[in-house]
C-alpha atoms as a PDB file:
ATOM      1  CA  GLY A   1      -0.812   8.594  -9.433  1.00  0.00           C
ATOM      2  CA  PHE A   2       1.781   9.565 -11.985  1.00  0.00           C
ATOM      3  CA  PRO A   3       1.713  10.595 -15.517  1.00  0.00           C
ATOM      4  CA  GLY A   4       2.245   7.589 -17.866  1.00  0.00           C
ATOM      5  CA  ASP A   5       1.324   5.056 -14.741  1.00  0.00           C
ATOM      6  CA  SER A   6      -2.387   4.628 -15.900  1.00  0.00           C
ATOM      7  CA  CYS A   7      -2.128   1.043 -15.828  1.00  0.00           C
ATOM      8  CA  TYR A   8      -0.025   0.715 -12.880  1.00  0.00           C
ATOM      9  CA  GLY A   9      -2.715   2.822 -10.813  1.00  0.00           C
ATOM     10  CA  ALA A  10      -5.732   1.071 -12.368  1.00  0.00           C
ATOM     11  CA  SER A  11      -4.473  -2.335 -11.474  1.00  0.00           C
ATOM     12  CA  LYS A  12      -3.742  -1.022  -7.795  1.00  0.00           C
ATOM     13  CA  ALA A  13      -7.315   0.413  -7.591  1.00  0.00           C
ATOM     14  CA  GLY A  14      -8.596  -2.894  -8.853  1.00  0.00           C
ATOM     15  CA  LEU A  15      -7.137  -4.571  -6.022  1.00  0.00           C
ATOM     16  CA  SER A  16      -9.163  -2.652  -3.314  1.00  0.00           C
ATOM     17  CA  GLY A  17     -12.470  -3.986  -4.960  1.00  0.00           C
ATOM     18  CA  LEU A  18     -11.085  -7.505  -5.238  1.00  0.00           C
ATOM     19  CA  THR A  19     -10.095  -7.554  -1.634  1.00  0.00           C
ATOM     20  CA  ASN A  20     -13.674  -6.525  -0.603  1.00  0.00           C
ATOM     21  CA  VAL A  21     -15.270  -9.157  -2.669  1.00  0.00           C
ATOM     22  CA  LEU A  22     -12.880 -12.098  -1.818  1.00  0.00           C
ATOM     23  CA  ALA A  23     -13.201 -11.034   1.695  1.00  0.00           C
ATOM     24  CA  ILE A  24     -16.996 -11.754   1.349  1.00  0.00           C
ATOM     25  CA  GLU A  25     -16.644 -14.840  -0.778  1.00  0.00           C
ATOM     26  CA  LEU A  26     -13.920 -16.529   1.296  1.00  0.00           C
ATOM     27  CA  ALA A  27     -15.209 -15.665   4.815  1.00  0.00           C
ATOM     28  CA  LYS A  28     -17.407 -18.863   4.843  1.00  0.00           C
ATOM     29  CA  ARG A  29     -14.357 -20.941   4.644  1.00  0.00           C
ATOM     30  CA  ARG A  30     -12.424 -18.928   7.285  1.00  0.00           C
ATOM     31  CA  ILE A  31     -10.140 -17.309   4.781  1.00  0.00           C
ATOM     32  CA  ARG A  32      -9.297 -13.682   5.487  1.00  0.00           C
ATOM     33  CA  VAL A  33      -8.503 -11.322   2.806  1.00  0.00           C
ATOM     34  CA  ASN A  34      -6.724  -7.672   3.414  1.00  0.00           C
ATOM     35  CA  LEU A  35      -4.930  -5.276   1.514  1.00  0.00           C
ATOM     36  CA  VAL A  36      -1.675  -3.584   2.599  1.00  0.00           C
ATOM     37  CA  VAL A  37      -1.042  -0.617   0.367  1.00  0.00           C
ATOM     38  CA  PRO A  38       2.599   0.577   0.792  1.00  0.00           C
ATOM     39  CA  GLY A  39       3.720   4.044   0.190  1.00  0.00           C
ATOM     40  CA  PHE A  40       6.917   5.400  -1.442  1.00  0.00           C
ATOM     41  CA  VAL A  41       9.243   2.803  -0.276  1.00  0.00           C
ATOM     42  CA  MET A  42      12.984   2.331  -1.069  1.00  0.00           C
ATOM     43  CA  THR A  43      12.945  -0.665  -3.687  1.00  0.00           C
ATOM     44  CA  GLU A  44      14.576  -1.373  -7.013  1.00  0.00           C
ATOM     45  CA  MET A  45      11.332  -0.134  -8.663  1.00  0.00           C
ATOM     46  CA  THR A  46      11.777   3.312  -6.892  1.00  0.00           C
ATOM     47  CA  ALA A  47      15.548   3.428  -7.234  1.00  0.00           C
ATOM     48  CA  GLY A  48      15.184   4.892 -10.683  1.00  0.00           C
ATOM     49  CA  VAL A  49      13.417   7.871  -9.640  1.00  0.00           C
ATOM     50  CA  SER A  50      15.270  11.206 -10.017  1.00  0.00           C
ATOM     51  CA  GLU A  51      16.414  12.981  -6.981  1.00  0.00           C
ATOM     52  CA  LYS A  52      14.220  15.982  -7.908  1.00  0.00           C
ATOM     53  CA  ALA A  53      11.123  13.769  -8.279  1.00  0.00           C
ATOM     54  CA  ARG A  54      12.190  11.687  -4.971  1.00  0.00           C
ATOM     55  CA  GLU A  55      12.348  15.091  -2.943  1.00  0.00           C
ATOM     56  CA  ALA A  56       9.067  16.212  -4.488  1.00  0.00           C
ATOM     57  CA  ILE A  57       7.300  12.977  -3.258  1.00  0.00           C
ATOM     58  CA  VAL A  58       9.041  13.140   0.026  1.00  0.00           C
ATOM     59  CA  ALA A  59       7.717  16.710   0.758  1.00  0.00           C
ATOM     60  CA  LYS A  60       4.156  15.249   0.488  1.00  0.00           C
ATOM     61  CA  ILE A  61       4.718  12.793   3.019  1.00  0.00           C
ATOM     62  CA  PRO A  62       4.026  13.674   6.558  1.00  0.00           C
ATOM     63  CA  LEU A  63       6.938  11.530   8.248  1.00  0.00           C
ATOM     64  CA  ARG A  64       9.251  13.248   5.423  1.00  0.00           C
ATOM     65  CA  ARG A  65      11.183  10.229   4.435  1.00  0.00           C
ATOM     66  CA  MET A  66      10.780   7.032   2.089  1.00  0.00           C
ATOM     67  CA  GLY A  67       9.456   3.733   3.903  1.00  0.00           C
ATOM     68  CA  GLU A  68      11.683   0.562   4.152  1.00  0.00           C
ATOM     69  CA  ALA A  69      10.918  -2.792   2.877  1.00  0.00           C
ATOM     70  CA  ASP A  70      11.092  -4.253   6.491  1.00  0.00           C
ATOM     71  CA  GLU A  71       8.514  -1.665   7.628  1.00  0.00           C
ATOM     72  CA  ILE A  72       6.068  -2.897   5.089  1.00  0.00           C
ATOM     73  CA  ALA A  73       6.888  -6.605   6.053  1.00  0.00           C
ATOM     74  CA  ASP A  74       6.139  -5.735   9.794  1.00  0.00           C
ATOM     75  CA  VAL A  75       2.679  -4.332   8.905  1.00  0.00           C
ATOM     76  CA  CYS A  76       2.139  -7.626   6.707  1.00  0.00           C
ATOM     77  CA  TYR A  77       3.107  -9.654   9.817  1.00  0.00           C
ATOM     78  CA  TRP A  78       0.789  -7.772  11.890  1.00  0.00           C
ATOM     79  CA  VAL A  79      -2.289  -8.043   9.553  1.00  0.00           C
ATOM     80  CA  ALA A  80      -1.607 -11.860   9.011  1.00  0.00           C
ATOM     81  CA  GLY A  81      -1.880 -12.492  12.788  1.00  0.00           C
ATOM     82  CA  SER A  82      -5.074 -10.319  13.129  1.00  0.00           C
ATOM     83  CA  THR A  83      -7.565 -13.086  13.144  1.00  0.00           C
ATOM     84  CA  TYR A  84     -10.773 -10.679  13.227  1.00  0.00           C
ATOM     85  CA  MET A  85      -9.693  -8.564  10.404  1.00  0.00           C
ATOM     86  CA  THR A  86     -11.016  -9.160   6.744  1.00  0.00           C
ATOM     87  CA  GLY A  87     -11.891  -6.831   3.922  1.00  0.00           C
ATOM     88  CA  SER A  88      -9.672  -4.084   5.285  1.00  0.00           C
ATOM     89  CA  THR A  89      -7.238  -1.734   3.396  1.00  0.00           C
ATOM     90  CA  ILE A  90      -4.305  -0.666   5.484  1.00  0.00           C
ATOM     91  CA  PHE A  91      -2.280   2.219   4.181  1.00  0.00           C
ATOM     92  CA  THR A  92       1.400   2.155   5.072  1.00  0.00           C
ATOM     93  CA  ASP A  93       2.731   5.319   3.566  1.00  0.00           C
ATOM     94  CA  GLY A  94       4.085   7.604   6.214  1.00  0.00           C
ATOM     95  CA  GLY A  95       0.834   9.419   6.328  1.00  0.00           C
ATOM     96  CA  LEU A  96       0.730  10.272   2.546  1.00  0.00           C
ATOM     97  CA  MET A  97      -2.822   9.553   2.160  1.00  0.00           C
ATOM     98  CA  CYS A  98      -3.955  11.889   4.866  1.00  0.00           C
ATOM     99  CA  GLY A  99      -3.114  14.718   2.702  1.00  0.00           C
ATOM    100  CA  LEU A 100      -4.962  13.629  -0.428  1.00  0.00           C
END
């Protein structure tokens, strides 16, 4: 999280619990629910991050770069086709969560 982003961080954390509950509730209907958690990705939202802040964040990412939107889309496509996966959280963050 970042200072000033408490609402954003809380809503993202809530998605994890919602994913688990919905996966259980909807399994009987053969509906799968998974959560893809993107890391620091080049988007309109991150375009406004200062160069200094961007460098500090990228320095914590083991792959030492920001992600691309198409890389997140690739993971979503793979998850959508994984018919025995439900209730999973897939971090797609260049390894950022490994160090936290």
